[in-house]
Amino acid sequence: LGTTAAAKASGGKYSTIWVDVDGCESTPDCS
């Protein structure tokens, strides 16, 4: 979650692929 939050804050500089549970349903960092 430290990575997804930082990616979200980067404004599109980089993005992520989550694992286990759909990250758009389980984290606040879908974007």
PDB file of all heavy atoms in Angstrom:
ATOM      1  N   LEU A   1       0.828  -1.209   0.000  1.00  0.00           N
ATOM      2  CA  LEU A   1       0.000   0.000   0.000  1.00  0.00           C
ATOM      3  C   LEU A   1       0.863   1.260   0.000  1.00  0.00           C
ATOM      4  O   LEU A   1       0.418   2.322  -0.443  1.00  0.00           O
ATOM      5  CB  LEU A   1      -0.933   0.001   1.214  1.00  0.00           C
ATOM      6  CG  LEU A   1      -2.009  -1.103   1.222  1.00  0.00           C
ATOM      7  CD1 LEU A   1      -2.710  -1.149   2.571  1.00  0.00           C
ATOM      8  CD2 LEU A   1      -3.011  -0.877   0.095  1.00  0.00           C
ATOM      9  N   GLY A   2       2.097   1.139   0.480  1.00  0.00           N
ATOM     10  CA  GLY A   2       3.009   2.277   0.413  1.00  0.00           C
ATOM     11  C   GLY A   2       3.334   2.629  -1.026  1.00  0.00           C
ATOM     12  O   GLY A   2       3.516   3.806  -1.368  1.00  0.00           O
ATOM     13  N   THR A   3       3.376   1.613  -1.875  1.00  0.00           N
ATOM     14  CA  THR A   3       3.651   1.824  -3.299  1.00  0.00           C
ATOM     15  C   THR A   3       2.438   2.383  -4.023  1.00  0.00           C
ATOM     16  O   THR A   3       2.556   3.335  -4.806  1.00  0.00           O
ATOM     17  CB  THR A   3       4.091   0.496  -3.948  1.00  0.00           C
ATOM     18  OG1 THR A   3       5.310   0.065  -3.344  1.00  0.00           O
ATOM     19  CG2 THR A   3       4.305   0.675  -5.453  1.00  0.00           C
ATOM     20  N   THR A   4       1.265   1.805  -3.765  1.00  0.00           N
ATOM     21  CA  THR A   4       0.075   2.285  -4.481  1.00  0.00           C
ATOM     22  C   THR A   4      -0.248   3.730  -4.092  1.00  0.00           C
ATOM     23  O   THR A   4      -0.636   4.532  -4.944  1.00  0.00           O
ATOM     24  CB  THR A   4      -1.145   1.388  -4.219  1.00  0.00           C
ATOM     25  OG1 THR A   4      -1.427   1.334  -2.817  1.00  0.00           O
ATOM     26  CG2 THR A   4      -0.914  -0.022  -4.743  1.00  0.00           C
ATOM     27  N   ALA A   5      -0.071   4.072  -2.807  1.00  0.00           N
ATOM     28  CA  ALA A   5      -0.341   5.445  -2.360  1.00  0.00           C
ATOM     29  C   ALA A   5       0.635   6.421  -3.000  1.00  0.00           C
ATOM     30  O   ALA A   5       0.246   7.516  -3.437  1.00  0.00           O
ATOM     31  CB  ALA A   5      -0.252   5.532  -0.840  1.00  0.00           C
ATOM     32  N   ALA A   6       1.906   6.025  -3.082  1.00  0.00           N
ATOM     33  CA  ALA A   6       2.918   6.897  -3.687  1.00  0.00           C
ATOM     34  C   ALA A   6       2.678   7.045  -5.187  1.00  0.00           C
ATOM     35  O   ALA A   6       2.856   8.129  -5.756  1.00  0.00           O
ATOM     36  CB  ALA A   6       4.315   6.343  -3.422  1.00  0.00           C
ATOM     37  N   ALA A   7       2.250   5.957  -5.820  1.00  0.00           N
ATOM     38  CA  ALA A   7       1.958   6.021  -7.257  1.00  0.00           C
ATOM     39  C   ALA A   7       0.787   6.958  -7.517  1.00  0.00           C
ATOM     40  O   ALA A   7       0.803   7.761  -8.456  1.00  0.00           O
ATOM     41  CB  ALA A   7       1.655   4.626  -7.787  1.00  0.00           C
ATOM     42  N   LYS A   8      -0.226   6.868  -6.656  1.00  0.00           N
ATOM     43  CA  LYS A   8      -1.386   7.752  -6.781  1.00  0.00           C
ATOM     44  C   LYS A   8      -0.965   9.212  -6.623  1.00  0.00           C
ATOM     45  O   LYS A   8      -1.413  10.088  -7.378  1.00  0.00           O
ATOM     46  CB  LYS A   8      -2.422   7.382  -5.720  1.00  0.00           C
ATOM     47  CG  LYS A   8      -3.731   8.167  -5.805  1.00  0.00           C
ATOM     48  CD  LYS A   8      -4.699   7.672  -4.729  1.00  0.00           C
ATOM     49  CE  LYS A   8      -6.012   8.444  -4.745  1.00  0.00           C
ATOM     50  NZ  LYS A   8      -6.926   7.961  -3.680  1.00  0.00           N
ATOM     51  N   ALA A   9      -0.075   9.455  -5.665  1.00  0.00           N
ATOM     52  CA  ALA A   9       0.392  10.826  -5.408  1.00  0.00           C
ATOM     53  C   ALA A   9       1.335  11.335  -6.493  1.00  0.00           C
ATOM     54  O   ALA A   9       1.562  12.544  -6.597  1.00  0.00           O
ATOM     55  CB  ALA A   9       1.095  10.887  -4.051  1.00  0.00           C
ATOM     56  N   SER A  10       1.867  10.427  -7.311  1.00  0.00           N
ATOM     57  CA  SER A  10       2.849  10.832  -8.329  1.00  0.00           C
ATOM     58  C   SER A  10       2.197  11.516  -9.526  1.00  0.00           C
ATOM     59  O   SER A  10       2.896  12.026 -10.410  1.00  0.00           O
ATOM     60  CB  SER A  10       3.648   9.613  -8.814  1.00  0.00           C
ATOM     61  OG  SER A  10       2.891   8.814  -9.720  1.00  0.00           O
ATOM     62  N   GLY A  11       0.869  11.490  -9.568  1.00  0.00           N
ATOM     63  CA  GLY A  11       0.179  12.152 -10.669  1.00  0.00           C
ATOM     64  C   GLY A  11       0.395  11.499 -12.010  1.00  0.00           C
ATOM     65  O   GLY A  11       0.438  12.171 -13.045  1.00  0.00           O
ATOM     66  N   GLY A  12       0.544  10.186 -12.010  1.00  0.00           N
ATOM     67  CA  GLY A  12       0.686   9.467 -13.270  1.00  0.00           C
ATOM     68  C   GLY A  12       2.117   9.181 -13.679  1.00  0.00           C
ATOM     69  O   GLY A  12       2.357   8.577 -14.724  1.00  0.00           O
ATOM     70  N   LYS A  13       3.092   9.572 -12.845  1.00  0.00           N
ATOM     71  CA  LYS A  13       4.494   9.286 -13.169  1.00  0.00           C
ATOM     72  C   LYS A  13       4.714   7.786 -13.283  1.00  0.00           C
ATOM     73  O   LYS A  13       5.464   7.313 -14.130  1.00  0.00           O
ATOM     74  CB  LYS A  13       5.416   9.879 -12.111  1.00  0.00           C
ATOM     75  CG  LYS A  13       6.895   9.617 -12.381  1.00  0.00           C
ATOM     76  CD  LYS A  13       7.784  10.187 -11.280  1.00  0.00           C
ATOM     77  CE  LYS A  13       9.245   9.850 -11.534  1.00  0.00           C
ATOM     78  NZ  LYS A  13      10.137  10.290 -10.438  1.00  0.00           N
ATOM     79  N   TYR A  14       4.079   7.052 -12.383  1.00  0.00           N
ATOM     80  CA  TYR A  14       4.130   5.596 -12.478  1.00  0.00           C
ATOM     81  C   TYR A  14       2.839   5.009 -11.919  1.00  0.00           C
ATOM     82  O   TYR A  14       2.060   5.708 -11.259  1.00  0.00           O
ATOM     83  CB  TYR A  14       5.349   5.011 -11.764  1.00  0.00           C
ATOM     84  CG  TYR A  14       5.400   5.180 -10.266  1.00  0.00           C
ATOM     85  CD1 TYR A  14       5.075   4.132  -9.407  1.00  0.00           C
ATOM     86  CD2 TYR A  14       5.814   6.386  -9.700  1.00  0.00           C
ATOM     87  CE1 TYR A  14       5.147   4.274  -8.029  1.00  0.00           C
ATOM     88  CE2 TYR A  14       5.893   6.542  -8.324  1.00  0.00           C
ATOM     89  CZ  TYR A  14       5.566   5.478  -7.495  1.00  0.00           C
ATOM     90  OH  TYR A  14       5.642   5.637  -6.129  1.00  0.00           O
ATOM     91  N   SER A  15       2.586   3.749 -12.250  1.00  0.00           N
ATOM     92  CA  SER A  15       1.370   3.076 -11.804  1.00  0.00           C
ATOM     93  C   SER A  15       1.729   1.692 -11.281  1.00  0.00           C
ATOM     94  O   SER A  15       2.906   1.308 -11.261  1.00  0.00           O
ATOM     95  CB  SER A  15       0.347   3.004 -12.945  1.00  0.00           C
ATOM     96  OG  SER A  15       0.935   2.460 -14.106  1.00  0.00           O
ATOM     97  N   THR A  16       0.719   0.968 -10.842  1.00  0.00           N
ATOM     98  CA  THR A  16       0.973  -0.308 -10.175  1.00  0.00           C
ATOM     99  C   THR A  16       0.061  -1.421 -10.665  1.00  0.00           C
ATOM    100  O   THR A  16      -0.944  -1.180 -11.325  1.00  0.00           O
ATOM    101  CB  THR A  16       0.773  -0.175  -8.650  1.00  0.00           C
ATOM    102  OG1 THR A  16      -0.619   0.099  -8.392  1.00  0.00           O
ATOM    103  CG2 THR A  16       1.614   0.951  -8.065  1.00  0.00           C
ATOM    104  N   ILE A  17       0.447  -2.624 -10.301  1.00  0.00           N
ATOM    105  CA  ILE A  17      -0.413  -3.796 -10.442  1.00  0.00           C
ATOM    106  C   ILE A  17      -0.518  -4.401  -9.050  1.00  0.00           C
ATOM    107  O   ILE A  17       0.502  -4.636  -8.397  1.00  0.00           O
ATOM    108  CB  ILE A  17       0.169  -4.805 -11.445  1.00  0.00           C
ATOM    109  CG1 ILE A  17       0.085  -4.221 -12.867  1.00  0.00           C
ATOM    110  CG2 ILE A  17      -0.575  -6.141 -11.377  1.00  0.00           C
ATOM    111  CD1 ILE A  17       0.790  -5.027 -13.932  1.00  0.00           C
ATOM    112  N   TRP A  18      -1.726  -4.583  -8.553  1.00  0.00           N
ATOM    113  CA  TRP A  18      -1.947  -5.108  -7.213  1.00  0.00           C
ATOM    114  C   TRP A  18      -2.053  -6.633  -7.281  1.00  0.00           C
ATOM    115  O   TRP A  18      -2.082  -7.202  -8.385  1.00  0.00           O
ATOM    116  CB  TRP A  18      -3.220  -4.482  -6.630  1.00  0.00           C
ATOM    117  CG  TRP A  18      -3.424  -4.687  -5.154  1.00  0.00           C
ATOM    118  CD1 TRP A  18      -4.486  -5.311  -4.544  1.00  0.00           C
ATOM    119  CD2 TRP A  18      -2.564  -4.243  -4.095  1.00  0.00           C
ATOM    120  NE1 TRP A  18      -4.334  -5.288  -3.176  1.00  0.00           N
ATOM    121  CE2 TRP A  18      -3.150  -4.638  -2.876  1.00  0.00           C
ATOM    122  CE3 TRP A  18      -1.333  -3.564  -4.060  1.00  0.00           C
ATOM    123  CZ2 TRP A  18      -2.568  -4.393  -1.632  1.00  0.00           C
ATOM    124  CZ3 TRP A  18      -0.755  -3.302  -2.824  1.00  0.00           C
ATOM    125  CH2 TRP A  18      -1.369  -3.712  -1.636  1.00  0.00           C
ATOM    126  N   VAL A  19      -2.081  -7.280  -6.121  1.00  0.00           N
ATOM    127  CA  VAL A  19      -2.206  -8.740  -6.111  1.00  0.00           C
ATOM    128  C   VAL A  19      -3.226  -9.194  -5.068  1.00  0.00           C
ATOM    129  O   VAL A  19      -3.583  -8.446  -4.157  1.00  0.00           O
ATOM    130  CB  VAL A  19      -0.851  -9.444  -5.814  1.00  0.00           C
ATOM    131  CG1 VAL A  19       0.167  -9.134  -6.889  1.00  0.00           C
ATOM    132  CG2 VAL A  19      -0.321  -9.063  -4.435  1.00  0.00           C
ATOM    133  N   ASP A  20      -3.674 -10.406  -5.217  1.00  0.00           N
ATOM    134  CA  ASP A  20      -4.573 -11.126  -4.309  1.00  0.00           C
ATOM    135  C   ASP A  20      -6.030 -10.704  -4.427  1.00  0.00           C
ATOM    136  O   ASP A  20      -6.876 -11.490  -4.807  1.00  0.00           O
ATOM    137  CB  ASP A  20      -4.127 -11.004  -2.840  1.00  0.00           C
ATOM    138  CG  ASP A  20      -2.857 -11.788  -2.547  1.00  0.00           C
ATOM    139  OD1 ASP A  20      -2.556 -12.728  -3.304  1.00  0.00           O
ATOM    140  OD2 ASP A  20      -2.171 -11.462  -1.567  1.00  0.00           O
ATOM    141  N   VAL A  21      -6.348  -9.455  -4.041  1.00  0.00           N
ATOM    142  CA  VAL A  21      -7.724  -8.959  -4.050  1.00  0.00           C
ATOM    143  C   VAL A  21      -7.785  -7.735  -4.951  1.00  0.00           C
ATOM    144  O   VAL A  21      -6.917  -6.870  -4.864  1.00  0.00           O
ATOM    145  CB  VAL A  21      -8.167  -8.529  -2.639  1.00  0.00           C
ATOM    146  CG1 VAL A  21      -9.625  -8.101  -2.642  1.00  0.00           C
ATOM    147  CG2 VAL A  21      -7.953  -9.651  -1.642  1.00  0.00           C
ATOM    148  N   ASP A  22      -8.786  -7.647  -5.808  1.00  0.00           N
ATOM    149  CA  ASP A  22      -8.935  -6.498  -6.699  1.00  0.00           C
ATOM    150  C   ASP A  22      -8.654  -5.198  -5.944  1.00  0.00           C
ATOM    151  O   ASP A  22      -9.394  -4.800  -5.043  1.00  0.00           O
ATOM    152  CB  ASP A  22     -10.355  -6.475  -7.278  1.00  0.00           C
ATOM    153  CG  ASP A  22     -10.539  -5.432  -8.383  1.00  0.00           C
ATOM    154  OD1 ASP A  22      -9.772  -4.446  -8.410  1.00  0.00           O
ATOM    155  OD2 ASP A  22     -11.464  -5.597  -9.196  1.00  0.00           O
ATOM    156  N   GLY A  23      -7.570  -4.530  -6.303  1.00  0.00           N
ATOM    157  CA  GLY A  23      -7.146  -3.322  -5.595  1.00  0.00           C
ATOM    158  C   GLY A  23      -8.126  -2.180  -5.686  1.00  0.00           C
ATOM    159  O   GLY A  23      -8.121  -1.282  -4.830  1.00  0.00           O
ATOM    160  N   CYS A  24      -8.984  -2.216  -6.703  1.00  0.00           N
ATOM    161  CA  CYS A  24      -9.974  -1.147  -6.829  1.00  0.00           C
ATOM    162  C   CYS A  24     -11.164  -1.379  -5.898  1.00  0.00           C
ATOM    163  O   CYS A  24     -11.976  -0.489  -5.698  1.00  0.00           O
ATOM    164  CB  CYS A  24     -10.438  -1.019  -8.279  1.00  0.00           C
ATOM    165  SG  CYS A  24      -9.232  -0.159  -9.312  1.00  0.00           S
ATOM    166  N   GLU A  25     -11.258  -2.555  -5.330  1.00  0.00           N
ATOM    167  CA  GLU A  25     -12.313  -2.835  -4.362  1.00  0.00           C
ATOM    168  C   GLU A  25     -11.767  -2.912  -2.937  1.00  0.00           C
ATOM    169  O   GLU A  25     -12.529  -2.902  -1.980  1.00  0.00           O
ATOM    170  CB  GLU A  25     -13.008  -4.150  -4.724  1.00  0.00           C
ATOM    171  CG  GLU A  25     -13.710  -4.083  -6.077  1.00  0.00           C
ATOM    172  CD  GLU A  25     -14.414  -5.384  -6.433  1.00  0.00           C
ATOM    173  OE1 GLU A  25     -14.491  -6.284  -5.574  1.00  0.00           O
ATOM    174  OE2 GLU A  25     -14.877  -5.503  -7.579  1.00  0.00           O
ATOM    175  N   SER A  26     -10.444  -2.986  -2.806  1.00  0.00           N
ATOM    176  CA  SER A  26      -9.873  -3.195  -1.474  1.00  0.00           C
ATOM    177  C   SER A  26      -8.926  -2.098  -1.014  1.00  0.00           C
ATOM    178  O   SER A  26      -8.531  -2.072   0.148  1.00  0.00           O
ATOM    179  CB  SER A  26      -9.115  -4.531  -1.437  1.00  0.00           C
ATOM    180  OG  SER A  26      -8.025  -4.515  -2.345  1.00  0.00           O
ATOM    181  N   THR A  27      -8.544  -1.181  -1.904  1.00  0.00           N
ATOM    182  CA  THR A  27      -7.640  -0.094  -1.520  1.00  0.00           C
ATOM    183  C   THR A  27      -8.238   1.238  -1.988  1.00  0.00           C
ATOM    184  O   THR A  27      -9.120   1.263  -2.856  1.00  0.00           O
ATOM    185  CB  THR A  27      -6.240  -0.243  -2.153  1.00  0.00           C
ATOM    186  OG1 THR A  27      -6.263   0.284  -3.500  1.00  0.00           O
ATOM    187  CG2 THR A  27      -5.792  -1.700  -2.191  1.00  0.00           C
ATOM    188  N   PRO A  28      -7.727   2.357  -1.462  1.00  0.00           N
ATOM    189  CA  PRO A  28      -8.206   3.664  -1.907  1.00  0.00           C
ATOM    190  C   PRO A  28      -7.435   4.200  -3.110  1.00  0.00           C
ATOM    191  O   PRO A  28      -7.595   5.358  -3.483  1.00  0.00           O
ATOM    192  CB  PRO A  28      -7.960   4.550  -0.682  1.00  0.00           C
ATOM    193  CG  PRO A  28      -6.772   3.943  -0.021  1.00  0.00           C
ATOM    194  CD  PRO A  28      -6.864   2.466  -0.275  1.00  0.00           C
ATOM    195  N   ASP A  29      -6.613   3.339  -3.721  1.00  0.00           N
ATOM    196  CA  ASP A  29      -5.667   3.813  -4.735  1.00  0.00           C
ATOM    197  C   ASP A  29      -5.970   3.306  -6.136  1.00  0.00           C
ATOM    198  O   ASP A  29      -5.063   3.127  -6.961  1.00  0.00           O
ATOM    199  CB  ASP A  29      -4.245   3.408  -4.324  1.00  0.00           C
ATOM    200  CG  ASP A  29      -3.889   3.898  -2.931  1.00  0.00           C
ATOM    201  OD1 ASP A  29      -4.287   5.025  -2.590  1.00  0.00           O
ATOM    202  OD2 ASP A  29      -3.215   3.153  -2.188  1.00  0.00           O
ATOM    203  N   CYS A  30      -7.252   3.108  -6.440  1.00  0.00           N
ATOM    204  CA  CYS A  30      -7.654   2.534  -7.729  1.00  0.00           C
ATOM    205  C   CYS A  30      -7.072   3.294  -8.917  1.00  0.00           C
ATOM    206  O   CYS A  30      -6.690   2.696  -9.916  1.00  0.00           O
ATOM    207  CB  CYS A  30      -9.175   2.501  -7.823  1.00  0.00           C
ATOM    208  SG  CYS A  30      -9.813   1.765  -9.355  1.00  0.00           S
ATOM    209  N   SER A  31      -6.986   4.622  -8.804  1.00  0.00           N
ATOM    210  CA  SER A  31      -6.538   5.431  -9.942  1.00  0.00           C
ATOM    211  C   SER A  31      -5.088   5.135 -10.338  1.00  0.00           C
ATOM    212  O   SER A  31      -4.655   5.524 -11.425  1.00  0.00           O
ATOM    213  CB  SER A  31      -6.680   6.921  -9.619  1.00  0.00           C
ATOM    214  OG  SER A  31      -5.888   7.276  -8.496  1.00  0.00           O
TER     215      SER A  31
END
